[in-house]
Amino acid sequence: MMIEPEHKRISISRQCVLLGLPRASYYYASKGDDRYNQLMMNMIDEQFTKTPFYGVPRMTAWLRREGQDVNPKRIRRLMRRMGLEAIYPKKKLSKAHPGHKKYPYLLRDVVIDRPIRPGAPI
């Protein structure tokens, strides 16, 4: 179904309601990508190739040092659009190797009620 703006009996507003489409969506015209975003993506791509560990904050700082007036939200959006993610240590790096021996915790059920002097008999 399409909205007919020249329809004589049904207004555009009513047609949008019937289609379940917000009226603002009918009037919205996409601007597309501008040249500045393309320039930013080229700069980000070049720098990311050199330093793949740069995330959004570092990339934003680098672009500002290069004289670009950018904010982190734009850089995050562009990096996500390009499929770039910083290389950094991920979670679960401290998991034990299955072949390593696990030693028991020997003080689990021991009640400690006084300090012990070094060298004193237990």
PDB file of N, CA and C in Angstrom:
ATOM      1  N   MET A   1       0.849  -1.188   0.000  1.00  0.00           N
ATOM      2  CA  MET A   1       0.000   0.000   0.000  1.00  0.00           C
ATOM      3  C   MET A   1       0.886   1.241   0.000  1.00  0.00           C
ATOM      4  N   MET A   2       0.395   2.234  -0.635  1.00  0.00           N
ATOM      5  CA  MET A   2       1.117   3.493  -0.673  1.00  0.00           C
ATOM      6  C   MET A   2       0.178   4.610  -0.253  1.00  0.00           C
ATOM      7  N   ILE A   3       0.759   5.673   0.258  1.00  0.00           N
ATOM      8  CA  ILE A   3      -0.024   6.848   0.627  1.00  0.00           C
ATOM      9  C   ILE A   3      -0.219   7.695  -0.619  1.00  0.00           C
ATOM     10  N   GLU A   4      -1.449   8.098  -0.854  1.00  0.00           N
ATOM     11  CA  GLU A   4      -1.770   8.951  -1.992  1.00  0.00           C
ATOM     12  C   GLU A   4      -2.009  10.364  -1.478  1.00  0.00           C
ATOM     13  N   PRO A   5      -1.042  11.275  -1.648  1.00  0.00           N
ATOM     14  CA  PRO A   5      -1.202  12.621  -1.106  1.00  0.00           C
ATOM     15  C   PRO A   5      -2.325  13.418  -1.775  1.00  0.00           C
ATOM     16  N   GLU A   6      -2.699  13.053  -2.982  1.00  0.00           N
ATOM     17  CA  GLU A   6      -3.742  13.804  -3.708  1.00  0.00           C
ATOM     18  C   GLU A   6      -5.137  13.185  -3.561  1.00  0.00           C
ATOM     19  N   HIS A   7      -5.294  12.215  -2.653  1.00  0.00           N
ATOM     20  CA  HIS A   7      -6.593  11.565  -2.479  1.00  0.00           C
ATOM     21  C   HIS A   7      -7.613  12.587  -2.000  1.00  0.00           C
ATOM     22  N   LYS A   8      -8.817  12.561  -2.601  1.00  0.00           N
ATOM     23  CA  LYS A   8      -9.824  13.587  -2.322  1.00  0.00           C
ATOM     24  C   LYS A   8     -10.579  13.353  -1.030  1.00  0.00           C
ATOM     25  N   ARG A   9     -10.734  12.101  -0.593  1.00  0.00           N
ATOM     26  CA  ARG A   9     -11.594  11.833   0.546  1.00  0.00           C
ATOM     27  C   ARG A   9     -10.822  11.475   1.816  1.00  0.00           C
ATOM     28  N   ILE A  10      -9.627  10.869   1.678  1.00  0.00           N
ATOM     29  CA  ILE A  10      -8.884  10.429   2.867  1.00  0.00           C
ATOM     30  C   ILE A  10      -7.630  11.298   2.994  1.00  0.00           C
ATOM     31  N   SER A  11      -7.500  11.946   4.147  1.00  0.00           N
ATOM     32  CA  SER A  11      -6.344  12.818   4.371  1.00  0.00           C
ATOM     33  C   SER A  11      -5.071  11.990   4.564  1.00  0.00           C
ATOM     34  N   ILE A  12      -3.947  12.649   4.439  1.00  0.00           N
ATOM     35  CA  ILE A  12      -2.651  11.977   4.654  1.00  0.00           C
ATOM     36  C   ILE A  12      -2.575  11.447   6.077  1.00  0.00           C
ATOM     37  N   SER A  13      -3.057  12.238   7.026  1.00  0.00           N
ATOM     38  CA  SER A  13      -3.033  11.820   8.426  1.00  0.00           C
ATOM     39  C   SER A  13      -3.814  10.522   8.615  1.00  0.00           C
ATOM     40  N   ARG A  14      -5.004  10.447   8.027  1.00  0.00           N
ATOM     41  CA  ARG A  14      -5.837   9.254   8.164  1.00  0.00           C
ATOM     42  C   ARG A  14      -5.215   8.058   7.447  1.00  0.00           C
ATOM     43  N   GLN A  15      -4.610   8.284   6.302  1.00  0.00           N
ATOM     44  CA  GLN A  15      -3.954   7.203   5.573  1.00  0.00           C
ATOM     45  C   GLN A  15      -2.805   6.616   6.401  1.00  0.00           C
ATOM     46  N   CYS A  16      -2.079   7.495   7.072  1.00  0.00           N
ATOM     47  CA  CYS A  16      -0.977   7.027   7.931  1.00  0.00           C
ATOM     48  C   CYS A  16      -1.508   6.180   9.077  1.00  0.00           C
ATOM     49  N   VAL A  17      -2.625   6.603   9.681  1.00  0.00           N
ATOM     50  CA  VAL A  17      -3.227   5.829  10.770  1.00  0.00           C
ATOM     51  C   VAL A  17      -3.661   4.458  10.258  1.00  0.00           C
ATOM     52  N   LEU A  18      -4.273   4.423   9.099  1.00  0.00           N
ATOM     53  CA  LEU A  18      -4.738   3.152   8.539  1.00  0.00           C
ATOM     54  C   LEU A  18      -3.584   2.192   8.232  1.00  0.00           C
ATOM     55  N   LEU A  19      -2.444   2.758   7.831  1.00  0.00           N
ATOM     56  CA  LEU A  19      -1.280   1.925   7.517  1.00  0.00           C
ATOM     57  C   LEU A  19      -0.434   1.606   8.747  1.00  0.00           C
ATOM     58  N   GLY A  20      -0.735   2.266   9.869  1.00  0.00           N
ATOM     59  CA  GLY A  20       0.066   2.062  11.078  1.00  0.00           C
ATOM     60  C   GLY A  20       1.435   2.716  10.963  1.00  0.00           C
ATOM     61  N   LEU A  21       1.496   3.804  10.238  1.00  0.00           N
ATOM     62  CA  LEU A  21       2.755   4.505   9.983  1.00  0.00           C
ATOM     63  C   LEU A  21       2.719   5.872  10.659  1.00  0.00           C
ATOM     64  N   PRO A  22       3.721   6.220  11.460  1.00  0.00           N
ATOM     65  CA  PRO A  22       3.734   7.574  12.025  1.00  0.00           C
ATOM     66  C   PRO A  22       3.804   8.618  10.906  1.00  0.00           C
ATOM     67  N   ARG A  23       3.050   9.680  11.053  1.00  0.00           N
ATOM     68  CA  ARG A  23       3.007  10.686  10.009  1.00  0.00           C
ATOM     69  C   ARG A  23       4.365  11.328   9.765  1.00  0.00           C
ATOM     70  N   ALA A  24       5.164  11.440  10.816  1.00  0.00           N
ATOM     71  CA  ALA A  24       6.504  12.021  10.659  1.00  0.00           C
ATOM     72  C   ALA A  24       7.365  11.161   9.736  1.00  0.00           C
ATOM     73  N   SER A  25       7.142   9.843   9.746  1.00  0.00           N
ATOM     74  CA  SER A  25       7.901   8.956   8.864  1.00  0.00           C
ATOM     75  C   SER A  25       7.559   9.192   7.406  1.00  0.00           C
ATOM     76  N   TYR A  26       6.316   9.590   7.153  1.00  0.00           N
ATOM     77  CA  TYR A  26       5.917   9.890   5.772  1.00  0.00           C
ATOM     78  C   TYR A  26       6.655  11.125   5.253  1.00  0.00           C
ATOM     79  N   TYR A  27       6.839  12.124   6.104  1.00  0.00           N
ATOM     80  CA  TYR A  27       7.470  13.362   5.672  1.00  0.00           C
ATOM     81  C   TYR A  27       8.994  13.324   5.750  1.00  0.00           C
ATOM     82  N   TYR A  28       9.555  12.341   6.435  1.00  0.00           N
ATOM     83  CA  TYR A  28      11.003  12.294   6.645  1.00  0.00           C
ATOM     84  C   TYR A  28      11.736  12.031   5.340  1.00  0.00           C
ATOM     85  N   ALA A  29      12.772  12.821   5.093  1.00  0.00           N
ATOM     86  CA  ALA A  29      13.626  12.608   3.922  1.00  0.00           C
ATOM     87  C   ALA A  29      15.060  12.417   4.416  1.00  0.00           C
ATOM     88  N   SER A  30      15.653  11.276   4.117  1.00  0.00           N
ATOM     89  CA  SER A  30      17.001  10.983   4.564  1.00  0.00           C
ATOM     90  C   SER A  30      18.011  11.901   3.874  1.00  0.00           C
ATOM     91  N   LYS A  31      18.958  12.397   4.632  1.00  0.00           N
ATOM     92  CA  LYS A  31      19.983  13.281   4.069  1.00  0.00           C
ATOM     93  C   LYS A  31      21.125  12.489   3.449  1.00  0.00           C
ATOM     94  N   GLY A  32      21.268  11.245   3.837  1.00  0.00           N
ATOM     95  CA  GLY A  32      22.388  10.460   3.333  1.00  0.00           C
ATOM     96  C   GLY A  32      23.670  10.803   4.082  1.00  0.00           C
ATOM     97  N   ASP A  33      24.778  10.275   3.606  1.00  0.00           N
ATOM     98  CA  ASP A  33      26.064  10.519   4.249  1.00  0.00           C
ATOM     99  C   ASP A  33      26.723  11.744   3.638  1.00  0.00           C
ATOM    100  N   ASP A  34      27.274  12.569   4.482  1.00  0.00           N
ATOM    101  CA  ASP A  34      27.946  13.752   3.954  1.00  0.00           C
ATOM    102  C   ASP A  34      29.441  13.499   3.798  1.00  0.00           C
ATOM    103  N   ARG A  35      30.108  14.413   3.174  1.00  0.00           N
ATOM    104  CA  ARG A  35      31.541  14.256   2.885  1.00  0.00           C
ATOM    105  C   ARG A  35      32.381  14.267   4.159  1.00  0.00           C
ATOM    106  N   TYR A  36      31.933  15.018   5.176  1.00  0.00           N
ATOM    107  CA  TYR A  36      32.704  15.087   6.414  1.00  0.00           C
ATOM    108  C   TYR A  36      32.768  13.711   7.087  1.00  0.00           C
ATOM    109  N   ASN A  37      31.637  12.997   7.114  1.00  0.00           N
ATOM    110  CA  ASN A  37      31.646  11.644   7.689  1.00  0.00           C
ATOM    111  C   ASN A  37      32.564  10.730   6.890  1.00  0.00           C
ATOM    112  N   GLN A  38      32.564  10.875   5.573  1.00  0.00           N
ATOM    113  CA  GLN A  38      33.441  10.050   4.735  1.00  0.00           C
ATOM    114  C   GLN A  38      34.907  10.355   5.036  1.00  0.00           C
ATOM    115  N   LEU A  39      35.232  11.636   5.214  1.00  0.00           N
ATOM    116  CA  LEU A  39      36.594  12.031   5.580  1.00  0.00           C
ATOM    117  C   LEU A  39      36.977  11.432   6.927  1.00  0.00           C
ATOM    118  N   MET A  40      36.059  11.502   7.898  1.00  0.00           N
ATOM    119  CA  MET A  40      36.324  10.944   9.223  1.00  0.00           C
ATOM    120  C   MET A  40      36.554   9.439   9.136  1.00  0.00           C
ATOM    121  N   MET A  41      35.746   8.738   8.350  1.00  0.00           N
ATOM    122  CA  MET A  41      35.901   7.288   8.236  1.00  0.00           C
ATOM    123  C   MET A  41      37.231   6.939   7.578  1.00  0.00           C
ATOM    124  N   ASN A  42      37.672   7.717   6.614  1.00  0.00           N
ATOM    125  CA  ASN A  42      38.978   7.472   5.993  1.00  0.00           C
ATOM    126  C   ASN A  42      40.102   7.678   7.004  1.00  0.00           C
ATOM    127  N   MET A  43      40.015   8.757   7.787  1.00  0.00           N
ATOM    128  CA  MET A  43      41.044   9.025   8.799  1.00  0.00           C
ATOM    129  C   MET A  43      41.050   7.934   9.868  1.00  0.00           C
ATOM    130  N   ILE A  44      39.860   7.531  10.308  1.00  0.00           N
ATOM    131  CA  ILE A  44      39.748   6.474  11.321  1.00  0.00           C
ATOM    132  C   ILE A  44      40.344   5.176  10.788  1.00  0.00           C
ATOM    133  N   ASP A  45      40.044   4.852   9.538  1.00  0.00           N
ATOM    134  CA  ASP A  45      40.542   3.609   8.943  1.00  0.00           C
ATOM    135  C   ASP A  45      42.068   3.608   8.875  1.00  0.00           C
ATOM    136  N   GLU A  46      42.658   4.714   8.449  1.00  0.00           N
ATOM    137  CA  GLU A  46      44.128   4.789   8.374  1.00  0.00           C
ATOM    138  C   GLU A  46      44.758   4.645   9.749  1.00  0.00           C
ATOM    139  N   GLN A  47      44.214   5.367  10.734  1.00  0.00           N
ATOM    140  CA  GLN A  47      44.791   5.317  12.085  1.00  0.00           C
ATOM    141  C   GLN A  47      44.559   3.953  12.713  1.00  0.00           C
ATOM    142  N   PHE A  48      43.390   3.355  12.492  1.00  0.00           N
ATOM    143  CA  PHE A  48      43.090   2.059  13.083  1.00  0.00           C
ATOM    144  C   PHE A  48      44.008   0.982  12.516  1.00  0.00           C
ATOM    145  N   THR A  49      44.401   1.131  11.250  1.00  0.00           N
ATOM    146  CA  THR A  49      45.341   0.177  10.653  1.00  0.00           C
ATOM    147  C   THR A  49      46.684   0.249  11.364  1.00  0.00           C
ATOM    148  N   LYS A  50      47.100   1.453  11.754  1.00  0.00           N
ATOM    149  CA  LYS A  50      48.371   1.625  12.467  1.00  0.00           C
ATOM    150  C   LYS A  50      48.251   1.214  13.936  1.00  0.00           C
ATOM    151  N   THR A  51      47.144   1.567  14.572  1.00  0.00           N
ATOM    152  CA  THR A  51      46.958   1.339  16.005  1.00  0.00           C
ATOM    153  C   THR A  51      45.605   0.688  16.257  1.00  0.00           C
ATOM    154  N   PRO A  52      45.507  -0.637  16.085  1.00  0.00           N
ATOM    155  CA  PRO A  52      44.209  -1.309  16.249  1.00  0.00           C
ATOM    156  C   PRO A  52      43.725  -1.374  17.693  1.00  0.00           C
ATOM    157  N   PHE A  53      44.537  -0.934  18.634  1.00  0.00           N
ATOM    158  CA  PHE A  53      44.130  -0.945  20.034  1.00  0.00           C
ATOM    159  C   PHE A  53      43.467   0.365  20.435  1.00  0.00           C
ATOM    160  N   TYR A  54      43.334   1.318  19.514  1.00  0.00           N
ATOM    161  CA  TYR A  54      42.642   2.573  19.811  1.00  0.00           C
ATOM    162  C   TYR A  54      41.137   2.325  19.817  1.00  0.00           C
ATOM    163  N   GLY A  55      40.516   2.631  20.933  1.00  0.00           N
ATOM    164  CA  GLY A  55      39.062   2.574  21.022  1.00  0.00           C
ATOM    165  C   GLY A  55      38.486   3.951  20.709  1.00  0.00           C
ATOM    166  N   VAL A  56      37.245   4.150  21.079  1.00  0.00           N
ATOM    167  CA  VAL A  56      36.565   5.409  20.782  1.00  0.00           C
ATOM    168  C   VAL A  56      37.226   6.597  21.483  1.00  0.00           C
ATOM    169  N   PRO A  57      37.551   6.519  22.797  1.00  0.00           N
ATOM    170  CA  PRO A  57      38.143   7.692  23.444  1.00  0.00           C
ATOM    171  C   PRO A  57      39.495   8.088  22.853  1.00  0.00           C
ATOM    172  N   ARG A  58      40.363   7.109  22.613  1.00  0.00           N
ATOM    173  CA  ARG A  58      41.676   7.432  22.054  1.00  0.00           C
ATOM    174  C   ARG A  58      41.569   7.928  20.620  1.00  0.00           C
ATOM    175  N   MET A  59      40.679   7.331  19.847  1.00  0.00           N
ATOM    176  CA  MET A  59      40.507   7.757  18.461  1.00  0.00           C
ATOM    177  C   MET A  59      39.970   9.180  18.418  1.00  0.00           C
ATOM    178  N   THR A  60      39.050   9.505  19.324  1.00  0.00           N
ATOM    179  CA  THR A  60      38.509  10.866  19.398  1.00  0.00           C
ATOM    180  C   THR A  60      39.617  11.846  19.759  1.00  0.00           C
ATOM    181  N   ALA A  61      40.444  11.488  20.731  1.00  0.00           N
ATOM    182  CA  ALA A  61      41.550  12.365  21.133  1.00  0.00           C
ATOM    183  C   ALA A  61      42.537  12.555  19.986  1.00  0.00           C
ATOM    184  N   TRP A  62      42.831  11.488  19.258  1.00  0.00           N
ATOM    185  CA  TRP A  62      43.756  11.595  18.128  1.00  0.00           C
ATOM    186  C   TRP A  62      43.192  12.508  17.040  1.00  0.00           C
ATOM    187  N   LEU A  63      41.918  12.352  16.724  1.00  0.00           N
ATOM    188  CA  LEU A  63      41.302  13.201  15.700  1.00  0.00           C
ATOM    189  C   LEU A  63      41.287  14.662  16.129  1.00  0.00           C
ATOM    190  N   ARG A  64      41.073  14.909  17.414  1.00  0.00           N
ATOM    191  CA  ARG A  64      41.112  16.290  17.906  1.00  0.00           C
ATOM    192  C   ARG A  64      42.519  16.864  17.784  1.00  0.00           C
ATOM    193  N   ARG A  65      43.539  16.027  18.063  1.00  0.00           N
ATOM    194  CA  ARG A  65      44.917  16.507  17.894  1.00  0.00           C
ATOM    195  C   ARG A  65      45.225  16.805  16.432  1.00  0.00           C
ATOM    196  N   GLU A  66      44.546  16.093  15.538  1.00  0.00           N
ATOM    197  CA  GLU A  66      44.726  16.321  14.105  1.00  0.00           C
ATOM    198  C   GLU A  66      43.947  17.540  13.614  1.00  0.00           C
ATOM    199  N   GLY A  67      43.214  18.191  14.528  1.00  0.00           N
ATOM    200  CA  GLY A  67      42.503  19.420  14.165  1.00  0.00           C
ATOM    201  C   GLY A  67      41.053  19.224  13.772  1.00  0.00           C
ATOM    202  N   GLN A  68      40.500  18.032  13.982  1.00  0.00           N
ATOM    203  CA  GLN A  68      39.098  17.778  13.646  1.00  0.00           C
ATOM    204  C   GLN A  68      38.221  18.057  14.864  1.00  0.00           C
ATOM    205  N   ASP A  69      37.087  18.686  14.630  1.00  0.00           N
ATOM    206  CA  ASP A  69      36.147  18.989  15.712  1.00  0.00           C
ATOM    207  C   ASP A  69      35.116  17.866  15.764  1.00  0.00           C
ATOM    208  N   VAL A  70      35.394  16.829  16.576  1.00  0.00           N
ATOM    209  CA  VAL A  70      34.531  15.657  16.654  1.00  0.00           C
ATOM    210  C   VAL A  70      34.170  15.362  18.099  1.00  0.00           C
ATOM    211  N   ASN A  71      33.110  14.593  18.277  1.00  0.00           N
ATOM    212  CA  ASN A  71      32.766  14.130  19.617  1.00  0.00           C
ATOM    213  C   ASN A  71      32.710  12.597  19.626  1.00  0.00           C
ATOM    214  N   PRO A  72      32.767  11.979  20.789  1.00  0.00           N
ATOM    215  CA  PRO A  72      32.834  10.513  20.869  1.00  0.00           C
ATOM    216  C   PRO A  72      31.620   9.810  20.268  1.00  0.00           C
ATOM    217  N   LYS A  73      30.448  10.448  20.336  1.00  0.00           N
ATOM    218  CA  LYS A  73      29.258   9.793  19.802  1.00  0.00           C
ATOM    219  C   LYS A  73      29.377   9.568  18.300  1.00  0.00           C
ATOM    220  N   ARG A  74      29.887  10.564  17.589  1.00  0.00           N
ATOM    221  CA  ARG A  74      30.050  10.418  16.139  1.00  0.00           C
ATOM    222  C   ARG A  74      31.089   9.346  15.833  1.00  0.00           C
ATOM    223  N   ILE A  75      32.211   9.356  16.575  1.00  0.00           N
ATOM    224  CA  ILE A  75      33.274   8.380  16.325  1.00  0.00           C
ATOM    225  C   ILE A  75      32.783   6.974  16.633  1.00  0.00           C
ATOM    226  N   ARG A  76      32.030   6.819  17.727  1.00  0.00           N
ATOM    227  CA  ARG A  76      31.476   5.500  18.082  1.00  0.00           C
ATOM    228  C   ARG A  76      30.549   5.007  16.967  1.00  0.00           C
ATOM    229  N   ARG A  77      29.695   5.888  16.473  1.00  0.00           N
ATOM    230  CA  ARG A  77      28.761   5.506  15.420  1.00  0.00           C
ATOM    231  C   ARG A  77      29.504   5.115  14.147  1.00  0.00           C
ATOM    232  N   LEU A  78      30.523   5.894  13.773  1.00  0.00           N
ATOM    233  CA  LEU A  78      31.262   5.600  12.549  1.00  0.00           C
ATOM    234  C   LEU A  78      32.084   4.316  12.686  1.00  0.00           C
ATOM    235  N   MET A  79      32.718   4.114  13.847  1.00  0.00           N
ATOM    236  CA  MET A  79      33.501   2.891  14.045  1.00  0.00           C
ATOM    237  C   MET A  79      32.594   1.664  14.040  1.00  0.00           C
ATOM    238  N   ARG A  80      31.424   1.782  14.645  1.00  0.00           N
ATOM    239  CA  ARG A  80      30.479   0.666  14.645  1.00  0.00           C
ATOM    240  C   ARG A  80      30.008   0.383  13.223  1.00  0.00           C
ATOM    241  N   ARG A  81      29.757   1.438  12.469  1.00  0.00           N
ATOM    242  CA  ARG A  81      29.314   1.289  11.078  1.00  0.00           C
ATOM    243  C   ARG A  81      30.391   0.620  10.221  1.00  0.00           C
ATOM    244  N   MET A  82      31.665   0.906  10.522  1.00  0.00           N
ATOM    245  CA  MET A  82      32.776   0.328   9.772  1.00  0.00           C
ATOM    246  C   MET A  82      33.128  -1.074  10.275  1.00  0.00           C
ATOM    247  N   GLY A  83      32.557  -1.474  11.414  1.00  0.00           N
ATOM    248  CA  GLY A  83      32.838  -2.793  11.967  1.00  0.00           C
ATOM    249  C   GLY A  83      34.169  -2.840  12.698  1.00  0.00           C
ATOM    250  N   LEU A  84      34.629  -1.701  13.219  1.00  0.00           N
ATOM    251  CA  LEU A  84      35.916  -1.643  13.923  1.00  0.00           C
ATOM    252  C   LEU A  84      35.689  -1.723  15.420  1.00  0.00           C
ATOM    253  N   GLU A  85      36.523  -2.522  16.082  1.00  0.00           N
ATOM    254  CA  GLU A  85      36.482  -2.645  17.533  1.00  0.00           C
ATOM    255  C   GLU A  85      37.915  -2.754  18.019  1.00  0.00           C
ATOM    256  N   ALA A  86      38.225  -2.049  19.090  1.00  0.00           N
ATOM    257  CA  ALA A  86      39.588  -2.051  19.614  1.00  0.00           C
ATOM    258  C   ALA A  86      39.997  -3.446  20.056  1.00  0.00           C
ATOM    259  N   ILE A  87      41.270  -3.744  19.882  1.00  0.00           N
ATOM    260  CA  ILE A  87      41.820  -5.018  20.335  1.00  0.00           C
ATOM    261  C   ILE A  87      42.308  -4.823  21.761  1.00  0.00           C
ATOM    262  N   TYR A  88      41.732  -5.546  22.692  1.00  0.00           N
ATOM    263  CA  TYR A  88      42.107  -5.440  24.096  1.00  0.00           C
ATOM    264  C   TYR A  88      41.824  -6.780  24.760  1.00  0.00           C
ATOM    265  N   PRO A  89      42.405  -7.017  25.935  1.00  0.00           N
ATOM    266  CA  PRO A  89      42.156  -8.288  26.617  1.00  0.00           C
ATOM    267  C   PRO A  89      40.668  -8.433  26.954  1.00  0.00           C
ATOM    268  N   LYS A  90      40.102  -9.526  26.579  1.00  0.00           N
ATOM    269  CA  LYS A  90      38.681  -9.768  26.814  1.00  0.00           C
ATOM    270  C   LYS A  90      38.483 -10.466  28.161  1.00  0.00           C
ATOM    271  N   LYS A  91      37.237 -10.729  28.498  1.00  0.00           N
ATOM    272  CA  LYS A  91      36.901 -11.367  29.768  1.00  0.00           C
ATOM    273  C   LYS A  91      37.369 -12.819  29.800  1.00  0.00           C
ATOM    274  N   LYS A  92      37.387 -13.368  30.979  1.00  0.00           N
ATOM    275  CA  LYS A  92      37.669 -14.789  31.242  1.00  0.00           C
ATOM    276  C   LYS A  92      39.099 -15.179  30.862  1.00  0.00           C
ATOM    277  N   LEU A  93      40.049 -14.284  31.095  1.00  0.00           N
ATOM    278  CA  LEU A  93      41.436 -14.625  30.825  1.00  0.00           C
ATOM    279  C   LEU A  93      42.060 -15.431  31.964  1.00  0.00           C
ATOM    280  N   SER A  94      41.454 -15.407  33.131  1.00  0.00           N
ATOM    281  CA  SER A  94      42.027 -16.088  34.286  1.00  0.00           C
ATOM    282  C   SER A  94      41.429 -17.476  34.509  1.00  0.00           C
ATOM    283  N   LYS A  95      40.836 -18.053  33.517  1.00  0.00           N
ATOM    284  CA  LYS A  95      40.276 -19.388  33.674  1.00  0.00           C
ATOM    285  C   LYS A  95      41.413 -20.417  33.737  1.00  0.00           C
ATOM    286  N   ALA A  96      41.246 -21.378  34.639  1.00  0.00           N
ATOM    287  CA  ALA A  96      42.260 -22.410  34.826  1.00  0.00           C
ATOM    288  C   ALA A  96      42.290 -23.351  33.630  1.00  0.00           C
ATOM    289  N   HIS A  97      43.464 -23.811  33.309  1.00  0.00           N
ATOM    290  CA  HIS A  97      43.617 -24.787  32.234  1.00  0.00           C
ATOM    291  C   HIS A  97      43.128 -26.135  32.760  1.00  0.00           C
ATOM    292  N   PRO A  98      42.384 -26.878  31.972  1.00  0.00           N
ATOM    293  CA  PRO A  98      41.835 -28.144  32.481  1.00  0.00           C
ATOM    294  C   PRO A  98      42.889 -29.159  32.892  1.00  0.00           C
ATOM    295  N   GLY A  99      44.102 -29.070  32.351  1.00  0.00           N
ATOM    296  CA  GLY A  99      45.143 -30.035  32.692  1.00  0.00           C
ATOM    297  C   GLY A  99      45.894 -29.695  33.971  1.00  0.00           C
ATOM    298  N   HIS A 100      45.705 -28.495  34.504  1.00  0.00           N
ATOM    299  CA  HIS A 100      46.437 -28.110  35.714  1.00  0.00           C
ATOM    300  C   HIS A 100      45.770 -28.670  36.963  1.00  0.00           C
ATOM    301  N   LYS A 101      46.620 -29.008  37.954  1.00  0.00           N
ATOM    302  CA  LYS A 101      46.125 -29.552  39.218  1.00  0.00           C
ATOM    303  C   LYS A 101      45.541 -28.436  40.070  1.00  0.00           C
ATOM    304  N   LYS A 102      44.390 -28.696  40.697  1.00  0.00           N
ATOM    305  CA  LYS A 102      43.773 -27.734  41.605  1.00  0.00           C
ATOM    306  C   LYS A 102      44.076 -28.178  43.030  1.00  0.00           C
ATOM    307  N   TYR A 103      44.687 -27.287  43.798  1.00  0.00           N
ATOM    308  CA  TYR A 103      45.049 -27.603  45.178  1.00  0.00           C
ATOM    309  C   TYR A 103      43.905 -27.215  46.108  1.00  0.00           C
ATOM    310  N   PRO A 104      43.621 -28.031  47.125  1.00  0.00           N
ATOM    311  CA  PRO A 104      42.515 -27.707  48.038  1.00  0.00           C
ATOM    312  C   PRO A 104      42.895 -26.556  48.966  1.00  0.00           C
ATOM    313  N   TYR A 105      41.887 -25.812  49.422  1.00  0.00           N
ATOM    314  CA  TYR A 105      42.081 -24.733  50.383  1.00  0.00           C
ATOM    315  C   TYR A 105      42.065 -25.355  51.768  1.00  0.00           C
ATOM    316  N   LEU A 106      43.206 -25.376  52.455  1.00  0.00           N
ATOM    317  CA  LEU A 106      43.363 -26.140  53.695  1.00  0.00           C
ATOM    318  C   LEU A 106      42.764 -25.455  54.919  1.00  0.00           C
ATOM    319  N   LEU A 107      42.450 -24.180  54.842  1.00  0.00           N
ATOM    320  CA  LEU A 107      41.926 -23.473  56.015  1.00  0.00           C
ATOM    321  C   LEU A 107      40.411 -23.275  55.955  1.00  0.00           C
ATOM    322  N   ARG A 108      39.734 -24.001  55.101  1.00  0.00           N
ATOM    323  CA  ARG A 108      38.305 -23.768  54.902  1.00  0.00           C
ATOM    324  C   ARG A 108      37.497 -23.940  56.190  1.00  0.00           C
ATOM    325  N   ASP A 109      37.677 -25.026  56.925  1.00  0.00           N
ATOM    326  CA  ASP A 109      36.864 -25.287  58.121  1.00  0.00           C
ATOM    327  C   ASP A 109      37.638 -25.061  59.412  1.00  0.00           C
ATOM    328  N   VAL A 110      38.783 -24.400  59.349  1.00  0.00           N
ATOM    329  CA  VAL A 110      39.596 -24.158  60.536  1.00  0.00           C
ATOM    330  C   VAL A 110      39.137 -22.862  61.189  1.00  0.00           C
ATOM    331  N   VAL A 111      38.860 -22.904  62.495  1.00  0.00           N
ATOM    332  CA  VAL A 111      38.470 -21.705  63.238  1.00  0.00           C
ATOM    333  C   VAL A 111      39.737 -21.004  63.691  1.00  0.00           C
ATOM    334  N   ILE A 112      39.910 -19.775  63.311  1.00  0.00           N
ATOM    335  CA  ILE A 112      41.085 -18.997  63.706  1.00  0.00           C
ATOM    336  C   ILE A 112      40.622 -18.028  64.780  1.00  0.00           C
ATOM    337  N   ASP A 113      41.068 -18.278  66.040  1.00  0.00           N
ATOM    338  CA  ASP A 113      40.598 -17.461  67.154  1.00  0.00           C
ATOM    339  C   ASP A 113      41.714 -16.694  67.856  1.00  0.00           C
ATOM    340  N   ARG A 114      42.968 -16.910  67.425  1.00  0.00           N
ATOM    341  CA  ARG A 114      44.076 -16.182  68.044  1.00  0.00           C
ATOM    342  C   ARG A 114      45.224 -16.099  67.053  1.00  0.00           C
ATOM    343  N   PRO A 115      46.069 -15.097  67.196  1.00  0.00           N
ATOM    344  CA  PRO A 115      47.241 -15.017  66.328  1.00  0.00           C
ATOM    345  C   PRO A 115      48.281 -16.047  66.739  1.00  0.00           C
ATOM    346  N   ILE A 116      49.055 -16.516  65.796  1.00  0.00           N
ATOM    347  CA  ILE A 116      50.104 -17.487  66.096  1.00  0.00           C
ATOM    348  C   ILE A 116      51.431 -16.793  65.859  1.00  0.00           C
ATOM    349  N   ARG A 117      52.319 -16.910  66.905  1.00  0.00           N
ATOM    350  CA  ARG A 117      53.645 -16.327  66.782  1.00  0.00           C
ATOM    351  C   ARG A 117      54.470 -17.150  65.818  1.00  0.00           C
ATOM    352  N   PRO A 118      55.296 -16.496  65.026  1.00  0.00           N
ATOM    353  CA  PRO A 118      56.171 -17.266  64.130  1.00  0.00           C
ATOM    354  C   PRO A 118      57.132 -18.135  64.936  1.00  0.00           C
ATOM    355  N   GLY A 119      57.264 -19.370  64.572  1.00  0.00           N
ATOM    356  CA  GLY A 119      58.175 -20.287  65.253  1.00  0.00           C
ATOM    357  C   GLY A 119      57.576 -20.987  66.444  1.00  0.00           C
ATOM    358  N   ALA A 120      56.363 -20.608  66.873  1.00  0.00           N
ATOM    359  CA  ALA A 120      55.745 -21.236  68.024  1.00  0.00           C
ATOM    360  C   ALA A 120      55.094 -22.558  67.614  1.00  0.00           C
ATOM    361  N   PRO A 121      55.069 -23.537  68.504  1.00  0.00           N
ATOM    362  CA  PRO A 121      54.410 -24.820  68.172  1.00  0.00           C
ATOM    363  C   PRO A 121      52.897 -24.621  68.011  1.00  0.00           C
ATOM    364  N   ILE A 122      52.357 -25.377  67.150  1.00  0.00           N
ATOM    365  CA  ILE A 122      50.902 -25.226  66.889  1.00  0.00           C
ATOM    366  C   ILE A 122      50.088 -26.138  67.757  1.00  0.00           C
TER     367      ILE A 122
END
